[in-house]
Amino acid sequence: MEDKSVVLQRLGNRIRYIRKYKGITQEQLAYSINKDQQSIQRLEKGNINPSYYYLLEIAEGLGVTVQEVVGEDTSNILMQSENQNK
């Protein structure tokens, strides 16, 4: 099993990737889920072990599913973003 810090760092990197890909700032994401920007920053750095409910909020704020937040496949994220740009 992987070290917890490695898993949390990977999750944070994934959240950051999705957020940036969708053109959402940390402040915008934080506002949309009733958190402060520092919480999003700590999450993206892997300093927070989020609850499932927190992941649901993050996913909703990003407009994706929890599976897309924690998974490896970005194809739906890319397709959603392309459809929004049309």
N, C-alpha and C. Protein backbone atom coordinates (compact mmCIF):
# COMPACT_ATOMS: atom_id res chain seq x y z
N MET A 1 0.84 -1.18 0.00
CA MET A 1 0.00 0.00 0.00
C MET A 1 0.88 1.24 0.00
N GLU A 2 0.45 2.25 -0.74
CA GLU A 2 1.22 3.49 -0.83
C GLU A 2 1.15 4.30 0.45
N ASP A 3 2.16 5.09 0.66
CA ASP A 3 2.20 6.00 1.80
C ASP A 3 1.06 7.00 1.69
N LYS A 4 0.44 7.29 2.81
CA LYS A 4 -0.71 8.21 2.86
C LYS A 4 -0.38 9.57 2.26
N SER A 5 0.80 10.09 2.55
CA SER A 5 1.17 11.41 2.04
C SER A 5 1.27 11.41 0.51
N VAL A 6 1.72 10.30 -0.07
CA VAL A 6 1.81 10.19 -1.52
C VAL A 6 0.41 10.19 -2.14
N VAL A 7 -0.49 9.46 -1.53
CA VAL A 7 -1.87 9.39 -2.03
C VAL A 7 -2.53 10.76 -1.94
N LEU A 8 -2.35 11.45 -0.82
CA LEU A 8 -2.96 12.77 -0.65
C LEU A 8 -2.35 13.79 -1.61
N GLN A 9 -1.06 13.68 -1.87
CA GLN A 9 -0.42 14.58 -2.83
C GLN A 9 -0.96 14.33 -4.24
N ARG A 10 -1.13 13.07 -4.61
CA ARG A 10 -1.69 12.74 -5.92
C ARG A 10 -3.11 13.27 -6.05
N LEU A 11 -3.91 13.12 -5.01
CA LEU A 11 -5.28 13.64 -5.03
C LEU A 11 -5.27 15.16 -5.19
N GLY A 12 -4.42 15.83 -4.43
CA GLY A 12 -4.32 17.28 -4.53
C GLY A 12 -3.91 17.74 -5.91
N ASN A 13 -2.95 17.04 -6.50
CA ASN A 13 -2.51 17.36 -7.86
C ASN A 13 -3.64 17.18 -8.86
N ARG A 14 -4.42 16.14 -8.66
CA ARG A 14 -5.54 15.88 -9.57
C ARG A 14 -6.60 16.97 -9.46
N ILE A 15 -6.92 17.37 -8.24
CA ILE A 15 -7.90 18.44 -8.03
C ILE A 15 -7.39 19.73 -8.68
N ARG A 16 -6.12 20.04 -8.47
CA ARG A 16 -5.53 21.24 -9.07
C ARG A 16 -5.61 21.17 -10.60
N TYR A 17 -5.27 20.00 -11.17
CA TYR A 17 -5.31 19.83 -12.62
C TYR A 17 -6.73 20.09 -13.16
N ILE A 18 -7.72 19.47 -12.55
CA ILE A 18 -9.10 19.63 -13.01
C ILE A 18 -9.53 21.09 -12.87
N ARG A 19 -9.22 21.69 -11.74
CA ARG A 19 -9.61 23.08 -11.49
C ARG A 19 -9.01 24.00 -12.53
N LYS A 20 -7.72 23.86 -12.78
CA LYS A 20 -7.06 24.72 -13.75
C LYS A 20 -7.55 24.45 -15.17
N TYR A 21 -7.76 23.17 -15.49
CA TYR A 21 -8.24 22.82 -16.82
C TYR A 21 -9.58 23.47 -17.11
N LYS A 22 -10.41 23.56 -16.07
CA LYS A 22 -11.74 24.16 -16.22
C LYS A 22 -11.73 25.68 -16.06
N GLY A 23 -10.55 26.23 -15.79
CA GLY A 23 -10.45 27.68 -15.67
C GLY A 23 -11.06 28.25 -14.40
N ILE A 24 -11.02 27.47 -13.33
CA ILE A 24 -11.59 27.88 -12.04
C ILE A 24 -10.44 28.25 -11.10
N THR A 25 -10.55 29.37 -10.43
CA THR A 25 -9.53 29.75 -9.46
C THR A 25 -9.81 29.05 -8.13
N GLN A 26 -8.80 29.04 -7.27
CA GLN A 26 -9.02 28.49 -5.92
C GLN A 26 -10.11 29.27 -5.21
N GLU A 27 -10.11 30.57 -5.38
CA GLU A 27 -11.12 31.41 -4.73
C GLU A 27 -12.53 31.08 -5.21
N GLN A 28 -12.68 30.89 -6.52
CA GLN A 28 -13.99 30.54 -7.08
C GLN A 28 -14.47 29.19 -6.57
N LEU A 29 -13.57 28.22 -6.56
CA LEU A 29 -13.95 26.89 -6.06
C LEU A 29 -14.33 26.97 -4.59
N ALA A 30 -13.52 27.66 -3.81
CA ALA A 30 -13.80 27.80 -2.38
C ALA A 30 -15.17 28.45 -2.15
N TYR A 31 -15.44 29.51 -2.88
CA TYR A 31 -16.72 30.21 -2.73
C TYR A 31 -17.89 29.30 -3.09
N SER A 32 -17.73 28.51 -4.14
CA SER A 32 -18.83 27.67 -4.60
C SER A 32 -19.18 26.55 -3.62
N ILE A 33 -18.24 26.21 -2.74
CA ILE A 33 -18.51 25.12 -1.78
C ILE A 33 -18.47 25.60 -0.33
N ASN A 34 -18.49 26.92 -0.15
CA ASN A 34 -18.53 27.50 1.20
C ASN A 34 -17.30 27.17 2.04
N LYS A 35 -16.14 27.21 1.43
CA LYS A 35 -14.87 27.01 2.13
C LYS A 35 -14.02 28.25 1.90
N ASP A 36 -12.89 28.34 2.59
CA ASP A 36 -11.98 29.44 2.31
C ASP A 36 -10.89 28.98 1.35
N GLN A 37 -10.25 29.95 0.70
CA GLN A 37 -9.23 29.66 -0.30
C GLN A 37 -8.08 28.88 0.30
N GLN A 38 -7.75 29.13 1.55
CA GLN A 38 -6.65 28.43 2.19
C GLN A 38 -6.94 26.93 2.32
N SER A 39 -8.19 26.57 2.52
CA SER A 39 -8.56 25.15 2.58
C SER A 39 -8.31 24.46 1.25
N ILE A 40 -8.65 25.14 0.17
CA ILE A 40 -8.42 24.57 -1.16
C ILE A 40 -6.91 24.46 -1.41
N GLN A 41 -6.18 25.47 -1.01
CA GLN A 41 -4.73 25.45 -1.17
C GLN A 41 -4.11 24.28 -0.41
N ARG A 42 -4.53 24.07 0.84
CA ARG A 42 -4.00 22.96 1.63
C ARG A 42 -4.39 21.61 1.02
N LEU A 43 -5.61 21.52 0.52
CA LEU A 43 -6.06 20.29 -0.13
C LEU A 43 -5.21 19.98 -1.35
N GLU A 44 -4.96 20.98 -2.17
CA GLU A 44 -4.17 20.77 -3.38
C GLU A 44 -2.71 20.45 -3.08
N LYS A 45 -2.22 20.86 -1.94
CA LYS A 45 -0.85 20.54 -1.53
C LYS A 45 -0.75 19.18 -0.87
N GLY A 46 -1.90 18.53 -0.64
CA GLY A 46 -1.89 17.22 0.00
C GLY A 46 -1.80 17.29 1.51
N ASN A 47 -2.12 18.45 2.08
CA ASN A 47 -2.05 18.63 3.53
C ASN A 47 -3.35 18.33 4.26
N ILE A 48 -4.39 17.99 3.52
CA ILE A 48 -5.69 17.68 4.11
C ILE A 48 -6.10 16.29 3.65
N ASN A 49 -6.60 15.48 4.58
CA ASN A 49 -7.18 14.18 4.25
C ASN A 49 -8.69 14.40 4.21
N PRO A 50 -9.25 14.65 3.02
CA PRO A 50 -10.66 15.04 2.94
C PRO A 50 -11.61 13.88 3.22
N SER A 51 -12.73 14.21 3.82
CA SER A 51 -13.80 13.23 4.01
C SER A 51 -14.48 12.98 2.67
N TYR A 52 -15.27 11.94 2.62
CA TYR A 52 -16.02 11.66 1.39
C TYR A 52 -16.95 12.81 1.07
N TYR A 53 -17.58 13.39 2.09
CA TYR A 53 -18.50 14.51 1.88
C TYR A 53 -17.74 15.70 1.29
N TYR A 54 -16.53 15.96 1.79
CA TYR A 54 -15.72 17.06 1.25
C TYR A 54 -15.39 16.79 -0.21
N LEU A 55 -15.08 15.55 -0.56
CA LEU A 55 -14.82 15.20 -1.95
C LEU A 55 -16.07 15.40 -2.82
N LEU A 56 -17.24 15.10 -2.26
CA LEU A 56 -18.48 15.35 -3.00
C LEU A 56 -18.64 16.84 -3.28
N GLU A 57 -18.34 17.67 -2.28
CA GLU A 57 -18.43 19.12 -2.46
C GLU A 57 -17.43 19.60 -3.53
N ILE A 58 -16.21 19.12 -3.45
CA ILE A 58 -15.18 19.49 -4.42
C ILE A 58 -15.62 19.09 -5.83
N ALA A 59 -16.09 17.86 -5.97
CA ALA A 59 -16.53 17.38 -7.28
C ALA A 59 -17.66 18.25 -7.82
N GLU A 60 -18.62 18.57 -6.97
CA GLU A 60 -19.74 19.42 -7.40
C GLU A 60 -19.23 20.80 -7.82
N GLY A 61 -18.33 21.36 -7.03
CA GLY A 61 -17.76 22.66 -7.36
C GLY A 61 -17.00 22.67 -8.67
N LEU A 62 -16.41 21.54 -9.01
CA LEU A 62 -15.65 21.41 -10.25
C LEU A 62 -16.52 20.95 -11.42
N GLY A 63 -17.75 20.52 -11.13
CA GLY A 63 -18.63 20.04 -12.18
C GLY A 63 -18.28 18.67 -12.71
N VAL A 64 -17.72 17.83 -11.83
CA VAL A 64 -17.35 16.46 -12.21
C VAL A 64 -17.86 15.50 -11.14
N THR A 65 -17.62 14.22 -11.34
CA THR A 65 -18.01 13.22 -10.34
C THR A 65 -16.86 12.97 -9.38
N VAL A 66 -17.17 12.38 -8.24
CA VAL A 66 -16.12 12.00 -7.29
C VAL A 66 -15.17 11.01 -7.95
N GLN A 67 -15.70 10.12 -8.76
CA GLN A 67 -14.86 9.14 -9.45
C GLN A 67 -13.84 9.83 -10.34
N GLU A 68 -14.25 10.92 -10.97
CA GLU A 68 -13.31 11.66 -11.82
C GLU A 68 -12.27 12.39 -10.97
N VAL A 69 -12.65 12.82 -9.78
CA VAL A 69 -11.70 13.49 -8.89
C VAL A 69 -10.65 12.50 -8.41
N VAL A 70 -11.05 11.31 -8.03
CA VAL A 70 -10.10 10.35 -7.46
C VAL A 70 -9.56 9.35 -8.47
N GLY A 71 -10.18 9.28 -9.67
CA GLY A 71 -9.78 8.30 -10.66
C GLY A 71 -8.64 8.74 -11.53
N GLU A 72 -8.37 7.97 -12.54
CA GLU A 72 -7.26 8.23 -13.45
C GLU A 72 -7.74 8.72 -14.81
N ASP A 73 -9.00 8.56 -15.14
CA ASP A 73 -9.51 8.89 -16.47
C ASP A 73 -9.97 10.35 -16.51
N THR A 74 -9.45 11.11 -17.47
CA THR A 74 -9.85 12.51 -17.61
C THR A 74 -10.70 12.73 -18.85
N SER A 75 -11.07 11.69 -19.57
CA SER A 75 -11.77 11.88 -20.84
C SER A 75 -13.09 12.62 -20.66
N ASN A 76 -13.86 12.31 -19.62
CA ASN A 76 -15.13 13.02 -19.40
C ASN A 76 -14.89 14.48 -19.07
N ILE A 77 -13.85 14.77 -18.33
CA ILE A 77 -13.53 16.15 -17.97
C ILE A 77 -13.22 16.93 -19.24
N LEU A 78 -12.42 16.35 -20.10
CA LEU A 78 -12.04 17.02 -21.34
C LEU A 78 -13.26 17.24 -22.23
N MET A 79 -14.13 16.24 -22.35
CA MET A 79 -15.32 16.36 -23.18
C MET A 79 -16.26 17.43 -22.63
N GLN A 80 -16.48 17.46 -21.31
CA GLN A 80 -17.36 18.45 -20.69
C GLN A 80 -16.84 19.86 -20.95
N SER A 81 -15.56 20.05 -20.83
CA SER A 81 -14.96 21.36 -21.04
C SER A 81 -15.11 21.79 -22.49
N GLU A 82 -14.90 20.88 -23.43
CA GLU A 82 -15.04 21.21 -24.84
C GLU A 82 -16.48 21.57 -25.17
N ASN A 83 -17.45 20.86 -24.58
CA ASN A 83 -18.86 21.15 -24.83
C ASN A 83 -19.26 22.50 -24.26
N GLN A 84 -18.67 22.90 -23.14
CA GLN A 84 -18.98 24.20 -22.54
C GLN A 84 -18.43 25.33 -23.39
N ASN A 85 -17.36 25.08 -24.12
CA ASN A 85 -16.74 26.12 -24.95
C ASN A 85 -17.45 26.32 -26.28
N LYS A 86 -18.41 25.47 -26.61
CA LYS A 86 -19.13 25.58 -27.89
C LYS A 86 -20.28 26.54 -27.78
